[in-house]
């Protein structure tokens, strides 16, 4: 039986890495390489590709304020975020459309709709991926390919990573969750497995808010200091 290949653009992302390990345990084969290498790698394996999990780049690569941003900052953010996501969507979407099945999962962020604070280029990138998912759902959906935008919040190990002097949203972040603790890095494993299964097509093109209530602002507000 041929292996079911799932492409990952970034296995350094702690959530993507957990998803890769999980789906491997249930019969998928995670693969990861650059866009140019991907086309060559899949030349003889196109029929085995069943999906992709595309994670956002690190927010720290785009840490700049509106007042200080330059044209070079804008171009650099485009080149490390929106442009690669579009290129990978084109490559993978074409193959999956030819196969008449598959899933593209954008492992995006709640910051597509809520500012990070001090990293507006990252927020713009998240919003661009959100729009890309909707467009891809229309184009590739006609061939049975499902596209899903997971808007995730932070997980264990990311509190300092997203912290900002301009916004308190990630200060004492655990207090903003109903259970007052950060979600585990493997919290999206089952969701991604379901989206890859082919049984989630009814959700094609949707935003899946997967932040355990983070943006609902639970907790004791006087603790956010």
N, C-alpha and C. Protein backbone atom coordinates (compact mmCIF):
# COMPACT_ATOMS: atom_id res chain seq x y z
N UNK A 1 0.84 -1.20 0.00
CA UNK A 1 0.00 0.00 0.00
C UNK A 1 0.87 1.25 0.00
N UNK A 2 0.60 2.20 -0.90
CA UNK A 2 1.38 3.42 -1.01
C UNK A 2 1.20 4.29 0.24
N UNK A 3 2.27 4.99 0.61
CA UNK A 3 2.19 5.86 1.76
C UNK A 3 1.43 7.13 1.42
N UNK A 4 0.70 7.66 2.41
CA UNK A 4 -0.03 8.91 2.24
C UNK A 4 0.89 10.04 2.67
N UNK A 5 1.37 10.83 1.72
CA UNK A 5 2.32 11.88 2.00
C UNK A 5 1.63 13.18 2.42
N UNK A 6 2.15 13.81 3.45
CA UNK A 6 1.65 15.12 3.90
C UNK A 6 2.84 16.06 3.99
N UNK A 7 2.76 17.16 3.29
CA UNK A 7 3.86 18.12 3.26
C UNK A 7 3.77 19.11 4.43
N UNK A 8 4.91 19.38 5.07
CA UNK A 8 5.04 20.39 6.12
C UNK A 8 6.09 21.41 5.68
N UNK A 9 5.76 22.68 5.74
CA UNK A 9 6.73 23.69 5.33
C UNK A 9 7.71 24.05 6.44
N UNK A 10 7.35 23.76 7.71
CA UNK A 10 8.22 24.16 8.83
C UNK A 10 8.02 23.22 10.01
N UNK A 11 8.94 22.29 10.17
CA UNK A 11 8.85 21.37 11.29
C UNK A 11 9.57 21.91 12.53
N UNK A 12 10.05 23.15 12.44
CA UNK A 12 10.59 23.81 13.64
C UNK A 12 9.47 24.44 14.46
N UNK A 13 8.33 24.68 13.84
CA UNK A 13 7.16 25.16 14.55
C UNK A 13 6.70 24.05 15.50
N UNK A 14 6.56 24.38 16.79
CA UNK A 14 6.34 23.32 17.77
C UNK A 14 4.99 22.62 17.60
N UNK A 15 3.99 23.34 17.13
CA UNK A 15 2.69 22.70 16.90
C UNK A 15 2.75 21.82 15.65
N UNK A 16 3.35 22.32 14.58
CA UNK A 16 3.48 21.53 13.36
C UNK A 16 4.27 20.26 13.62
N UNK A 17 5.32 20.36 14.43
CA UNK A 17 6.13 19.18 14.75
C UNK A 17 5.32 18.13 15.48
N UNK A 18 4.46 18.57 16.39
CA UNK A 18 3.60 17.63 17.12
C UNK A 18 2.58 16.99 16.18
N UNK A 19 2.02 17.79 15.30
CA UNK A 19 1.05 17.25 14.33
C UNK A 19 1.72 16.20 13.45
N UNK A 20 2.95 16.49 13.00
CA UNK A 20 3.67 15.55 12.15
C UNK A 20 3.90 14.21 12.85
N UNK A 21 4.28 14.27 14.11
CA UNK A 21 4.50 13.03 14.87
C UNK A 21 3.19 12.26 15.03
N UNK A 22 2.11 12.98 15.27
CA UNK A 22 0.82 12.32 15.48
C UNK A 22 0.32 11.63 14.20
N UNK A 23 0.34 12.35 13.10
CA UNK A 23 -0.20 11.74 11.88
C UNK A 23 0.69 10.61 11.40
N UNK A 24 1.98 10.68 11.71
CA UNK A 24 2.87 9.57 11.37
C UNK A 24 2.46 8.31 12.10
N UNK A 25 2.00 8.47 13.33
CA UNK A 25 1.60 7.32 14.14
C UNK A 25 0.31 6.68 13.65
N UNK A 26 -0.45 7.40 12.81
CA UNK A 26 -1.71 6.84 12.32
C UNK A 26 -1.69 6.56 10.82
N UNK A 27 -0.47 6.52 10.24
CA UNK A 27 -0.38 6.03 8.87
C UNK A 27 0.01 7.01 7.79
N UNK A 28 0.29 8.26 8.14
CA UNK A 28 0.72 9.24 7.14
C UNK A 28 2.26 9.33 7.15
N UNK A 29 2.82 9.87 6.08
CA UNK A 29 4.26 10.10 6.02
C UNK A 29 4.52 11.60 5.86
N UNK A 30 4.97 12.27 6.93
CA UNK A 30 5.29 13.70 6.84
C UNK A 30 6.55 13.91 5.98
N UNK A 31 6.53 14.92 5.13
CA UNK A 31 7.70 15.29 4.36
C UNK A 31 7.90 16.80 4.49
N UNK A 32 9.15 17.25 4.39
CA UNK A 32 9.44 18.68 4.55
C UNK A 32 10.65 19.04 3.72
N UNK A 33 10.48 20.11 2.90
CA UNK A 33 11.58 20.61 2.07
C UNK A 33 11.15 21.95 1.50
N UNK A 34 12.04 22.62 0.78
CA UNK A 34 11.72 23.89 0.16
C UNK A 34 10.79 23.73 -1.03
N UNK A 35 10.24 24.83 -1.50
CA UNK A 35 9.27 24.78 -2.59
C UNK A 35 9.89 24.18 -3.86
N UNK A 36 11.11 24.61 -4.20
CA UNK A 36 11.75 24.08 -5.40
C UNK A 36 12.03 22.59 -5.30
N UNK A 37 12.49 22.18 -4.13
CA UNK A 37 12.78 20.76 -3.90
C UNK A 37 11.50 19.94 -3.89
N UNK A 38 10.41 20.56 -3.45
CA UNK A 38 9.14 19.84 -3.34
C UNK A 38 8.68 19.34 -4.70
N UNK A 39 8.75 20.19 -5.70
CA UNK A 39 8.32 19.78 -7.03
C UNK A 39 9.14 18.60 -7.54
N UNK A 40 10.45 18.65 -7.31
CA UNK A 40 11.32 17.55 -7.74
C UNK A 40 11.02 16.28 -6.96
N UNK A 41 10.84 16.42 -5.64
CA UNK A 41 10.59 15.26 -4.79
C UNK A 41 9.29 14.56 -5.18
N UNK A 42 8.29 15.36 -5.51
CA UNK A 42 6.97 14.79 -5.79
C UNK A 42 6.78 14.34 -7.24
N UNK A 43 7.80 14.55 -8.06
CA UNK A 43 7.66 14.21 -9.47
C UNK A 43 7.19 12.78 -9.66
N UNK A 44 7.71 11.87 -8.85
CA UNK A 44 7.33 10.46 -8.98
C UNK A 44 6.40 10.01 -7.85
N UNK A 45 5.94 11.01 -7.04
CA UNK A 45 5.10 10.64 -5.88
C UNK A 45 3.82 11.48 -5.78
N UNK A 46 3.44 12.07 -6.89
CA UNK A 46 2.30 13.00 -6.85
C UNK A 46 1.01 12.34 -6.38
N UNK A 47 0.80 11.12 -6.80
CA UNK A 47 -0.46 10.45 -6.47
C UNK A 47 -0.58 10.12 -4.99
N UNK A 48 0.58 10.10 -4.28
CA UNK A 48 0.55 9.78 -2.85
C UNK A 48 0.33 11.01 -1.98
N UNK A 49 0.44 12.21 -2.54
CA UNK A 49 0.25 13.42 -1.74
C UNK A 49 -1.22 13.59 -1.39
N UNK A 50 -1.52 13.67 -0.10
CA UNK A 50 -2.92 13.83 0.33
C UNK A 50 -3.16 15.14 1.07
N UNK A 51 -2.10 15.91 1.31
CA UNK A 51 -2.34 17.17 2.00
C UNK A 51 -1.08 17.90 2.38
N UNK A 52 -1.29 19.06 3.02
CA UNK A 52 -0.18 19.88 3.49
C UNK A 52 -0.60 20.62 4.74
N UNK A 53 0.37 20.83 5.62
CA UNK A 53 0.17 21.65 6.82
C UNK A 53 1.17 22.79 6.73
N UNK A 54 0.67 24.00 6.51
CA UNK A 54 1.53 25.16 6.28
C UNK A 54 1.49 26.08 7.50
N UNK A 55 2.61 26.14 8.21
CA UNK A 55 2.70 26.94 9.44
C UNK A 55 3.28 28.32 9.16
N UNK A 56 2.85 29.30 9.95
CA UNK A 56 3.38 30.66 9.84
C UNK A 56 4.86 30.71 10.23
N UNK A 57 5.62 31.65 9.67
CA UNK A 57 6.99 31.85 10.13
C UNK A 57 6.99 32.50 11.52
N UNK A 58 8.15 32.61 12.12
CA UNK A 58 8.25 33.18 13.46
C UNK A 58 7.91 34.66 13.46
N UNK A 59 7.13 35.06 14.45
CA UNK A 59 6.75 36.47 14.57
C UNK A 59 7.97 37.35 14.78
N UNK A 60 9.01 36.85 15.42
CA UNK A 60 10.20 37.66 15.69
C UNK A 60 10.95 38.05 14.43
N UNK A 61 10.68 37.38 13.32
CA UNK A 61 11.30 37.76 12.06
C UNK A 61 10.68 39.03 11.50
N UNK A 62 9.55 39.45 12.07
CA UNK A 62 8.83 40.63 11.57
C UNK A 62 8.50 41.60 12.69
N UNK A 63 9.38 41.71 13.68
CA UNK A 63 9.18 42.61 14.81
C UNK A 63 9.56 44.03 14.40
N UNK A 64 8.57 44.83 14.04
CA UNK A 64 8.81 46.22 13.70
C UNK A 64 7.52 47.01 13.92
N UNK A 65 7.64 48.24 14.40
CA UNK A 65 6.49 49.10 14.64
C UNK A 65 6.12 49.86 13.37
N UNK A 66 4.89 50.31 13.29
CA UNK A 66 4.44 51.08 12.13
C UNK A 66 5.32 52.30 11.92
N UNK A 67 5.65 52.99 13.03
CA UNK A 67 6.42 54.23 12.93
C UNK A 67 7.83 54.00 12.38
N UNK A 68 8.36 52.78 12.54
CA UNK A 68 9.74 52.51 12.17
C UNK A 68 9.86 51.66 10.90
N UNK A 69 8.75 51.16 10.38
CA UNK A 69 8.80 50.24 9.24
C UNK A 69 9.26 50.94 7.97
N UNK A 70 10.06 50.23 7.19
CA UNK A 70 10.56 50.75 5.92
C UNK A 70 10.08 49.88 4.76
N UNK A 71 10.36 50.33 3.55
CA UNK A 71 10.02 49.53 2.37
C UNK A 71 10.76 48.19 2.40
N UNK A 72 11.99 48.21 2.90
CA UNK A 72 12.76 46.97 2.99
C UNK A 72 12.11 45.99 3.97
N UNK A 73 11.60 46.50 5.09
CA UNK A 73 10.92 45.64 6.06
C UNK A 73 9.69 45.01 5.42
N UNK A 74 8.95 45.80 4.65
CA UNK A 74 7.75 45.32 3.98
C UNK A 74 8.09 44.21 2.99
N UNK A 75 9.11 44.44 2.18
CA UNK A 75 9.50 43.44 1.18
C UNK A 75 10.01 42.16 1.85
N UNK A 76 10.77 42.32 2.92
CA UNK A 76 11.30 41.15 3.61
C UNK A 76 10.18 40.32 4.22
N UNK A 77 9.19 40.99 4.85
CA UNK A 77 8.06 40.28 5.43
C UNK A 77 7.26 39.55 4.35
N UNK A 78 7.09 40.19 3.21
CA UNK A 78 6.38 39.53 2.10
C UNK A 78 7.13 38.29 1.64
N UNK A 79 8.46 38.41 1.55
CA UNK A 79 9.27 37.32 1.01
C UNK A 79 9.38 36.13 1.96
N UNK A 80 9.19 36.36 3.27
CA UNK A 80 9.30 35.22 4.20
C UNK A 80 7.94 34.72 4.66
N UNK A 81 6.86 35.40 4.25
CA UNK A 81 5.54 35.00 4.75
C UNK A 81 4.55 34.79 3.60
N UNK A 82 3.97 35.85 3.09
CA UNK A 82 2.89 35.73 2.11
C UNK A 82 3.34 35.07 0.81
N UNK A 83 4.51 35.47 0.31
CA UNK A 83 4.96 34.93 -0.98
C UNK A 83 5.20 33.42 -0.94
N UNK A 84 5.91 32.89 0.08
CA UNK A 84 6.09 31.42 0.13
C UNK A 84 4.77 30.68 0.32
N UNK A 85 3.85 31.24 1.10
CA UNK A 85 2.55 30.59 1.29
C UNK A 85 1.80 30.48 -0.03
N UNK A 86 1.86 31.54 -0.82
CA UNK A 86 1.20 31.51 -2.12
C UNK A 86 1.86 30.50 -3.05
N UNK A 87 3.20 30.49 -3.08
CA UNK A 87 3.91 29.55 -3.95
C UNK A 87 3.60 28.10 -3.58
N UNK A 88 3.62 27.80 -2.28
CA UNK A 88 3.33 26.44 -1.85
C UNK A 88 1.88 26.06 -2.13
N UNK A 89 0.97 27.01 -1.96
CA UNK A 89 -0.44 26.75 -2.27
C UNK A 89 -0.60 26.40 -3.74
N UNK A 90 0.10 27.11 -4.61
CA UNK A 90 0.02 26.85 -6.04
C UNK A 90 0.55 25.46 -6.39
N UNK A 91 1.71 25.13 -5.82
CA UNK A 91 2.33 23.83 -6.12
C UNK A 91 1.47 22.69 -5.61
N UNK A 92 1.09 22.77 -4.34
CA UNK A 92 0.34 21.69 -3.70
C UNK A 92 -1.09 21.63 -4.21
N UNK A 93 -1.70 22.81 -4.37
CA UNK A 93 -3.08 22.85 -4.86
C UNK A 93 -3.22 22.22 -6.23
N UNK A 94 -2.27 22.46 -7.11
CA UNK A 94 -2.32 21.89 -8.46
C UNK A 94 -2.25 20.37 -8.41
N UNK A 95 -1.33 19.85 -7.58
CA UNK A 95 -1.19 18.39 -7.48
C UNK A 95 -2.45 17.76 -6.89
N UNK A 96 -2.95 18.34 -5.80
CA UNK A 96 -4.14 17.78 -5.16
C UNK A 96 -5.36 17.87 -6.08
N UNK A 97 -5.46 18.95 -6.84
CA UNK A 97 -6.58 19.10 -7.78
C UNK A 97 -6.51 18.02 -8.85
N UNK A 98 -5.30 17.70 -9.29
CA UNK A 98 -5.15 16.62 -10.27
C UNK A 98 -5.54 15.27 -9.66
N UNK A 99 -5.25 15.12 -8.37
CA UNK A 99 -5.61 13.88 -7.67
C UNK A 99 -7.08 13.82 -7.30
N UNK A 100 -7.76 14.97 -7.39
CA UNK A 100 -9.19 15.08 -7.09
C UNK A 100 -9.52 14.83 -5.61
N UNK A 101 -8.54 15.09 -4.74
CA UNK A 101 -8.79 14.97 -3.31
C UNK A 101 -7.59 15.50 -2.54
N UNK A 102 -7.82 15.82 -1.26
CA UNK A 102 -6.72 16.28 -0.42
C UNK A 102 -7.10 17.48 0.42
N UNK A 103 -6.18 17.91 1.27
CA UNK A 103 -6.44 19.01 2.21
C UNK A 103 -5.22 19.91 2.31
N UNK A 104 -5.49 21.21 2.35
CA UNK A 104 -4.45 22.19 2.65
C UNK A 104 -4.84 22.87 3.96
N UNK A 105 -4.02 22.69 4.98
CA UNK A 105 -4.29 23.24 6.30
C UNK A 105 -3.31 24.38 6.56
N UNK A 106 -3.86 25.57 6.74
CA UNK A 106 -3.03 26.72 7.10
C UNK A 106 -3.00 26.82 8.62
N UNK A 107 -1.84 26.55 9.21
CA UNK A 107 -1.69 26.61 10.65
C UNK A 107 -1.40 28.07 11.00
N UNK A 108 -2.46 28.86 10.97
CA UNK A 108 -2.39 30.31 11.08
C UNK A 108 -2.55 30.73 12.54
N UNK A 109 -2.93 31.97 12.77
CA UNK A 109 -2.97 32.53 14.12
C UNK A 109 -4.19 33.40 14.33
N UNK A 110 -4.59 33.54 15.59
CA UNK A 110 -5.67 34.48 15.93
C UNK A 110 -5.27 35.91 15.56
N UNK A 111 -3.98 36.12 15.33
CA UNK A 111 -3.51 37.46 15.00
C UNK A 111 -3.82 37.85 13.56
N UNK A 112 -4.51 36.98 12.83
CA UNK A 112 -5.07 37.39 11.54
C UNK A 112 -6.14 38.45 11.76
N UNK A 113 -6.74 38.46 12.94
CA UNK A 113 -7.82 39.40 13.25
C UNK A 113 -7.55 40.25 14.49
N UNK A 114 -6.50 39.93 15.24
CA UNK A 114 -6.20 40.67 16.46
C UNK A 114 -4.73 41.08 16.45
N UNK A 115 -4.42 42.37 16.54
CA UNK A 115 -3.02 42.80 16.47
C UNK A 115 -2.14 42.14 17.52
N UNK A 116 -0.89 41.87 17.12
CA UNK A 116 0.09 41.34 18.06
C UNK A 116 0.54 42.44 19.01
N UNK A 117 0.80 43.60 18.42
CA UNK A 117 1.40 44.71 19.15
C UNK A 117 2.88 44.74 18.85
N UNK A 118 3.32 45.73 18.06
CA UNK A 118 4.74 45.82 17.71
C UNK A 118 5.18 44.85 16.65
N UNK A 119 4.26 44.24 15.92
CA UNK A 119 4.62 43.31 14.84
C UNK A 119 3.51 43.32 13.79
N UNK A 120 3.20 44.52 13.29
CA UNK A 120 2.04 44.64 12.40
C UNK A 120 2.25 43.91 11.08
N UNK A 121 3.51 43.74 10.65
CA UNK A 121 3.76 43.01 9.40
C UNK A 121 3.41 41.53 9.54
N UNK A 122 3.60 41.00 10.74
CA UNK A 122 3.18 39.62 11.00
C UNK A 122 1.65 39.52 10.95
N UNK A 123 0.98 40.49 11.57
CA UNK A 123 -0.49 40.50 11.55
C UNK A 123 -1.01 40.58 10.12
N UNK A 124 -0.39 41.43 9.31
CA UNK A 124 -0.80 41.54 7.90
C UNK A 124 -0.59 40.21 7.18
N UNK A 125 0.52 39.53 7.48
CA UNK A 125 0.78 38.23 6.87
C UNK A 125 -0.27 37.21 7.25
N UNK A 126 -0.66 37.21 8.53
CA UNK A 126 -1.70 36.28 9.00
C UNK A 126 -3.02 36.53 8.28
N UNK A 127 -3.36 37.81 8.10
CA UNK A 127 -4.60 38.17 7.40
C UNK A 127 -4.53 37.77 5.93
N UNK A 128 -3.35 37.90 5.33
CA UNK A 128 -3.17 37.50 3.94
C UNK A 128 -3.37 36.00 3.77
N UNK A 129 -2.88 35.21 4.72
CA UNK A 129 -3.06 33.76 4.68
C UNK A 129 -4.54 33.41 4.85
N UNK A 130 -5.22 34.14 5.71
CA UNK A 130 -6.66 33.92 5.90
C UNK A 130 -7.40 34.12 4.57
N UNK A 131 -7.07 35.20 3.86
CA UNK A 131 -7.71 35.47 2.57
C UNK A 131 -7.29 34.44 1.53
N UNK A 132 -6.01 34.03 1.56
CA UNK A 132 -5.51 33.02 0.62
C UNK A 132 -6.28 31.72 0.77
N UNK A 133 -6.55 31.33 2.01
CA UNK A 133 -7.30 30.09 2.24
C UNK A 133 -8.68 30.16 1.59
N UNK A 134 -9.34 31.30 1.73
CA UNK A 134 -10.69 31.44 1.16
C UNK A 134 -10.65 31.38 -0.37
N UNK A 135 -9.66 32.03 -0.96
CA UNK A 135 -9.53 31.98 -2.42
C UNK A 135 -9.20 30.58 -2.89
N UNK A 136 -8.27 29.92 -2.18
CA UNK A 136 -7.88 28.56 -2.56
C UNK A 136 -9.06 27.59 -2.44
N UNK A 137 -9.91 27.83 -1.44
CA UNK A 137 -11.08 26.97 -1.26
C UNK A 137 -12.00 27.02 -2.48
N UNK A 138 -12.09 28.19 -3.09
CA UNK A 138 -12.93 28.34 -4.28
C UNK A 138 -12.28 27.68 -5.49
N UNK A 139 -10.99 27.94 -5.67
CA UNK A 139 -10.29 27.46 -6.86
C UNK A 139 -10.12 25.94 -6.84
N UNK A 140 -9.59 25.44 -5.74
CA UNK A 140 -9.29 24.01 -5.66
C UNK A 140 -10.46 23.18 -5.11
N UNK A 141 -11.39 23.85 -4.47
CA UNK A 141 -12.55 23.14 -3.93
C UNK A 141 -13.38 22.46 -5.01
N UNK A 142 -13.37 23.03 -6.20
CA UNK A 142 -14.13 22.43 -7.30
C UNK A 142 -13.58 21.07 -7.70
N UNK A 143 -12.35 20.78 -7.26
CA UNK A 143 -11.73 19.48 -7.54
C UNK A 143 -11.71 18.58 -6.32
N UNK A 144 -12.46 18.97 -5.29
CA UNK A 144 -12.55 18.12 -4.10
C UNK A 144 -11.46 18.34 -3.09
N UNK A 145 -10.72 19.45 -3.21
CA UNK A 145 -9.64 19.76 -2.27
C UNK A 145 -10.16 20.71 -1.20
N UNK A 146 -10.00 20.34 0.07
CA UNK A 146 -10.46 21.17 1.17
C UNK A 146 -9.35 22.08 1.67
N UNK A 147 -9.66 23.35 1.92
CA UNK A 147 -8.69 24.31 2.44
C UNK A 147 -9.22 24.86 3.76
N UNK A 148 -8.38 24.86 4.79
CA UNK A 148 -8.84 25.20 6.14
C UNK A 148 -7.85 26.15 6.81
N UNK A 149 -8.38 27.20 7.41
CA UNK A 149 -7.56 28.20 8.09
C UNK A 149 -7.73 28.04 9.60
N UNK A 150 -6.72 27.44 10.25
CA UNK A 150 -6.78 27.26 11.70
C UNK A 150 -6.20 28.51 12.37
N UNK A 151 -7.02 29.21 13.11
CA UNK A 151 -6.58 30.40 13.81
C UNK A 151 -6.27 30.00 15.25
N UNK A 152 -5.02 29.66 15.48
CA UNK A 152 -4.63 29.15 16.79
C UNK A 152 -4.07 30.25 17.68
N UNK A 153 -4.17 30.01 18.98
CA UNK A 153 -3.55 30.91 19.94
C UNK A 153 -2.20 30.35 20.34
N UNK A 154 -1.61 30.92 21.38
CA UNK A 154 -0.30 30.44 21.81
C UNK A 154 -0.46 29.14 22.60
N UNK A 155 0.63 28.39 22.66
CA UNK A 155 0.67 27.14 23.42
C UNK A 155 1.87 27.20 24.37
N UNK A 156 2.03 26.18 25.15
CA UNK A 156 3.15 26.13 26.08
C UNK A 156 4.47 26.35 25.33
N UNK A 157 5.30 27.23 25.87
CA UNK A 157 6.58 27.51 25.25
C UNK A 157 6.59 28.73 24.36
N UNK A 158 5.43 29.37 24.17
CA UNK A 158 5.36 30.51 23.25
C UNK A 158 5.02 31.84 23.94
N UNK A 159 4.85 31.85 25.24
CA UNK A 159 4.41 33.06 25.94
C UNK A 159 5.41 34.21 25.73
N UNK A 160 6.68 33.96 25.92
CA UNK A 160 7.70 35.00 25.74
C UNK A 160 7.88 35.33 24.26
N UNK A 161 7.67 34.35 23.43
CA UNK A 161 7.83 34.48 21.98
C UNK A 161 6.92 35.57 21.42
N UNK A 162 5.69 35.66 21.93
CA UNK A 162 4.72 36.63 21.43
C UNK A 162 4.59 37.88 22.29
N UNK A 163 5.26 37.93 23.43
CA UNK A 163 5.12 39.05 24.36
C UNK A 163 5.47 40.38 23.67
N UNK A 164 4.72 41.43 24.01
CA UNK A 164 4.91 42.73 23.39
C UNK A 164 4.79 43.84 24.42
N UNK A 165 5.58 44.89 24.24
CA UNK A 165 5.48 46.06 25.12
C UNK A 165 4.29 46.94 24.75
N UNK A 166 3.69 46.67 23.58
CA UNK A 166 2.59 47.51 23.10
C UNK A 166 1.22 46.95 23.44
N UNK A 167 1.17 45.68 23.80
CA UNK A 167 -0.11 45.05 24.10
C UNK A 167 0.07 44.06 25.25
N UNK A 168 -0.87 44.06 26.23
CA UNK A 168 -0.76 43.13 27.36
C UNK A 168 -1.38 41.76 27.10
N UNK A 169 -1.83 41.51 25.87
CA UNK A 169 -2.59 40.28 25.62
C UNK A 169 -1.80 39.02 25.94
N UNK A 170 -0.47 39.07 25.79
CA UNK A 170 0.34 37.89 26.06
C UNK A 170 1.10 37.99 27.38
N UNK A 171 0.69 38.93 28.24
CA UNK A 171 1.27 39.01 29.58
C UNK A 171 0.42 38.15 30.51
N UNK A 172 1.04 37.22 31.21
CA UNK A 172 0.29 36.27 32.04
C UNK A 172 -0.81 35.59 31.22
N UNK A 173 -0.44 35.13 30.04
CA UNK A 173 -1.41 34.60 29.08
C UNK A 173 -2.27 33.48 29.64
N UNK A 174 -1.69 32.66 30.52
CA UNK A 174 -2.44 31.51 31.03
C UNK A 174 -3.72 31.94 31.73
N UNK A 175 -3.76 33.16 32.25
CA UNK A 175 -4.95 33.62 32.96
C UNK A 175 -6.08 34.02 32.04
N UNK A 176 -5.85 34.01 30.73
CA UNK A 176 -6.88 34.36 29.77
C UNK A 176 -7.62 33.12 29.24
N UNK A 177 -7.24 31.95 29.73
CA UNK A 177 -7.89 30.73 29.31
C UNK A 177 -8.87 30.26 30.39
N UNK A 178 -9.96 29.61 30.00
CA UNK A 178 -10.92 29.13 31.00
C UNK A 178 -10.28 28.27 32.08
N UNK A 179 -9.32 27.43 31.70
CA UNK A 179 -8.66 26.56 32.68
C UNK A 179 -7.44 27.22 33.33
N UNK A 180 -7.17 28.46 32.93
CA UNK A 180 -6.04 29.23 33.47
C UNK A 180 -4.71 28.50 33.35
N UNK A 181 -4.51 27.89 32.17
CA UNK A 181 -3.22 27.30 31.83
C UNK A 181 -3.10 27.27 30.31
N UNK A 182 -1.87 27.34 29.84
CA UNK A 182 -1.64 27.35 28.40
C UNK A 182 -1.95 25.98 27.79
N UNK A 183 -2.51 25.95 26.58
CA UNK A 183 -2.73 24.67 25.91
C UNK A 183 -1.40 23.97 25.61
N UNK A 184 -1.44 22.66 25.50
CA UNK A 184 -0.25 21.89 25.15
C UNK A 184 0.04 22.02 23.65
N UNK A 185 1.28 21.82 23.26
CA UNK A 185 1.66 21.95 21.86
C UNK A 185 0.98 20.91 20.97
N UNK A 186 0.52 19.81 21.57
CA UNK A 186 -0.13 18.76 20.77
C UNK A 186 -1.65 18.90 20.71
N UNK A 187 -2.16 20.05 21.12
CA UNK A 187 -3.61 20.22 21.24
C UNK A 187 -4.35 20.23 19.90
N UNK A 188 -3.63 20.41 18.78
CA UNK A 188 -4.29 20.44 17.47
C UNK A 188 -4.10 19.15 16.68
N UNK A 189 -3.51 18.15 17.32
CA UNK A 189 -3.22 16.90 16.61
C UNK A 189 -4.47 16.25 16.00
N UNK A 190 -5.49 16.06 16.81
CA UNK A 190 -6.69 15.36 16.35
C UNK A 190 -7.44 16.18 15.32
N UNK A 191 -7.47 17.51 15.50
CA UNK A 191 -8.14 18.37 14.53
C UNK A 191 -7.48 18.25 13.16
N UNK A 192 -6.16 18.35 13.13
CA UNK A 192 -5.46 18.25 11.84
C UNK A 192 -5.62 16.87 11.21
N UNK A 193 -5.61 15.85 12.02
CA UNK A 193 -5.82 14.50 11.49
C UNK A 193 -7.20 14.39 10.84
N UNK A 194 -8.21 14.98 11.48
CA UNK A 194 -9.56 14.97 10.93
C UNK A 194 -9.61 15.73 9.61
N UNK A 195 -8.97 16.91 9.56
CA UNK A 195 -8.99 17.71 8.34
C UNK A 195 -8.27 17.00 7.19
N UNK A 196 -7.27 16.19 7.51
CA UNK A 196 -6.54 15.44 6.48
C UNK A 196 -7.28 14.20 6.02
N UNK A 197 -8.26 13.78 6.81
CA UNK A 197 -8.94 12.50 6.55
C UNK A 197 -9.82 12.51 5.31
N UNK A 198 -10.21 13.69 4.86
CA UNK A 198 -11.14 13.78 3.73
C UNK A 198 -12.58 13.89 4.18
N UNK A 199 -12.82 13.67 5.47
CA UNK A 199 -14.19 13.74 5.98
C UNK A 199 -14.62 15.11 6.44
N UNK A 200 -13.73 16.11 6.25
CA UNK A 200 -14.03 17.46 6.74
C UNK A 200 -14.38 18.43 5.62
N UNK A 201 -14.63 17.92 4.42
CA UNK A 201 -14.80 18.82 3.27
C UNK A 201 -15.93 19.83 3.45
N UNK A 202 -16.92 19.49 4.25
CA UNK A 202 -18.03 20.42 4.48
C UNK A 202 -17.52 21.73 5.11
N UNK A 203 -16.33 21.69 5.71
CA UNK A 203 -15.72 22.87 6.34
C UNK A 203 -14.81 23.63 5.37
N UNK A 204 -14.82 23.27 4.11
CA UNK A 204 -13.95 23.90 3.13
C UNK A 204 -14.05 25.42 3.17
N UNK A 205 -12.88 26.08 3.29
CA UNK A 205 -12.84 27.54 3.25
C UNK A 205 -13.11 28.25 4.54
N UNK A 206 -13.33 27.51 5.62
CA UNK A 206 -13.72 28.14 6.87
C UNK A 206 -12.52 28.52 7.74
N UNK A 207 -12.78 29.50 8.63
CA UNK A 207 -11.82 29.84 9.69
C UNK A 207 -12.18 28.99 10.90
N UNK A 208 -11.22 28.25 11.39
CA UNK A 208 -11.45 27.40 12.56
C UNK A 208 -10.75 28.03 13.75
N UNK A 209 -11.53 28.67 14.62
CA UNK A 209 -10.97 29.32 15.80
C UNK A 209 -10.57 28.24 16.79
N UNK A 210 -9.27 28.06 16.97
CA UNK A 210 -8.77 26.97 17.80
C UNK A 210 -7.82 27.54 18.83
N UNK A 211 -8.36 28.32 19.78
CA UNK A 211 -7.51 29.00 20.76
C UNK A 211 -7.96 28.76 22.20
N UNK A 212 -8.84 27.77 22.40
CA UNK A 212 -9.33 27.41 23.74
C UNK A 212 -9.94 28.59 24.50
N UNK A 213 -10.56 29.50 23.77
CA UNK A 213 -11.22 30.63 24.42
C UNK A 213 -10.31 31.80 24.72
N UNK A 214 -9.07 31.76 24.22
CA UNK A 214 -8.08 32.81 24.51
C UNK A 214 -8.59 34.20 24.15
N UNK A 215 -9.15 34.35 22.95
CA UNK A 215 -9.60 35.67 22.51
C UNK A 215 -10.95 36.06 23.09
N UNK A 216 -11.56 35.19 23.87
CA UNK A 216 -12.80 35.54 24.57
C UNK A 216 -12.52 36.29 25.87
N UNK A 217 -11.22 36.40 26.21
CA UNK A 217 -10.78 37.19 27.37
C UNK A 217 -11.33 36.67 28.68
N UNK A 218 -11.14 35.39 28.94
CA UNK A 218 -11.51 34.81 30.22
C UNK A 218 -10.51 35.24 31.29
N UNK A 219 -10.87 35.05 32.54
CA UNK A 219 -9.91 35.23 33.63
C UNK A 219 -10.20 36.47 34.46
N UNK A 220 -9.25 36.76 35.33
CA UNK A 220 -9.39 37.87 36.27
C UNK A 220 -8.58 39.05 35.71
N UNK A 221 -9.29 40.07 35.25
CA UNK A 221 -8.64 41.13 34.51
C UNK A 221 -7.61 41.90 35.32
N UNK A 222 -7.75 41.96 36.64
CA UNK A 222 -6.77 42.71 37.43
C UNK A 222 -5.44 41.97 37.55
N UNK A 223 -5.38 40.73 36.99
CA UNK A 223 -4.14 39.98 37.02
C UNK A 223 -3.27 40.29 35.81
N UNK A 224 -3.84 40.96 34.80
CA UNK A 224 -3.09 41.19 33.58
C UNK A 224 -2.22 42.43 33.71
N UNK A 225 -1.06 42.25 34.26
CA UNK A 225 -0.16 43.37 34.51
C UNK A 225 1.23 43.04 33.95
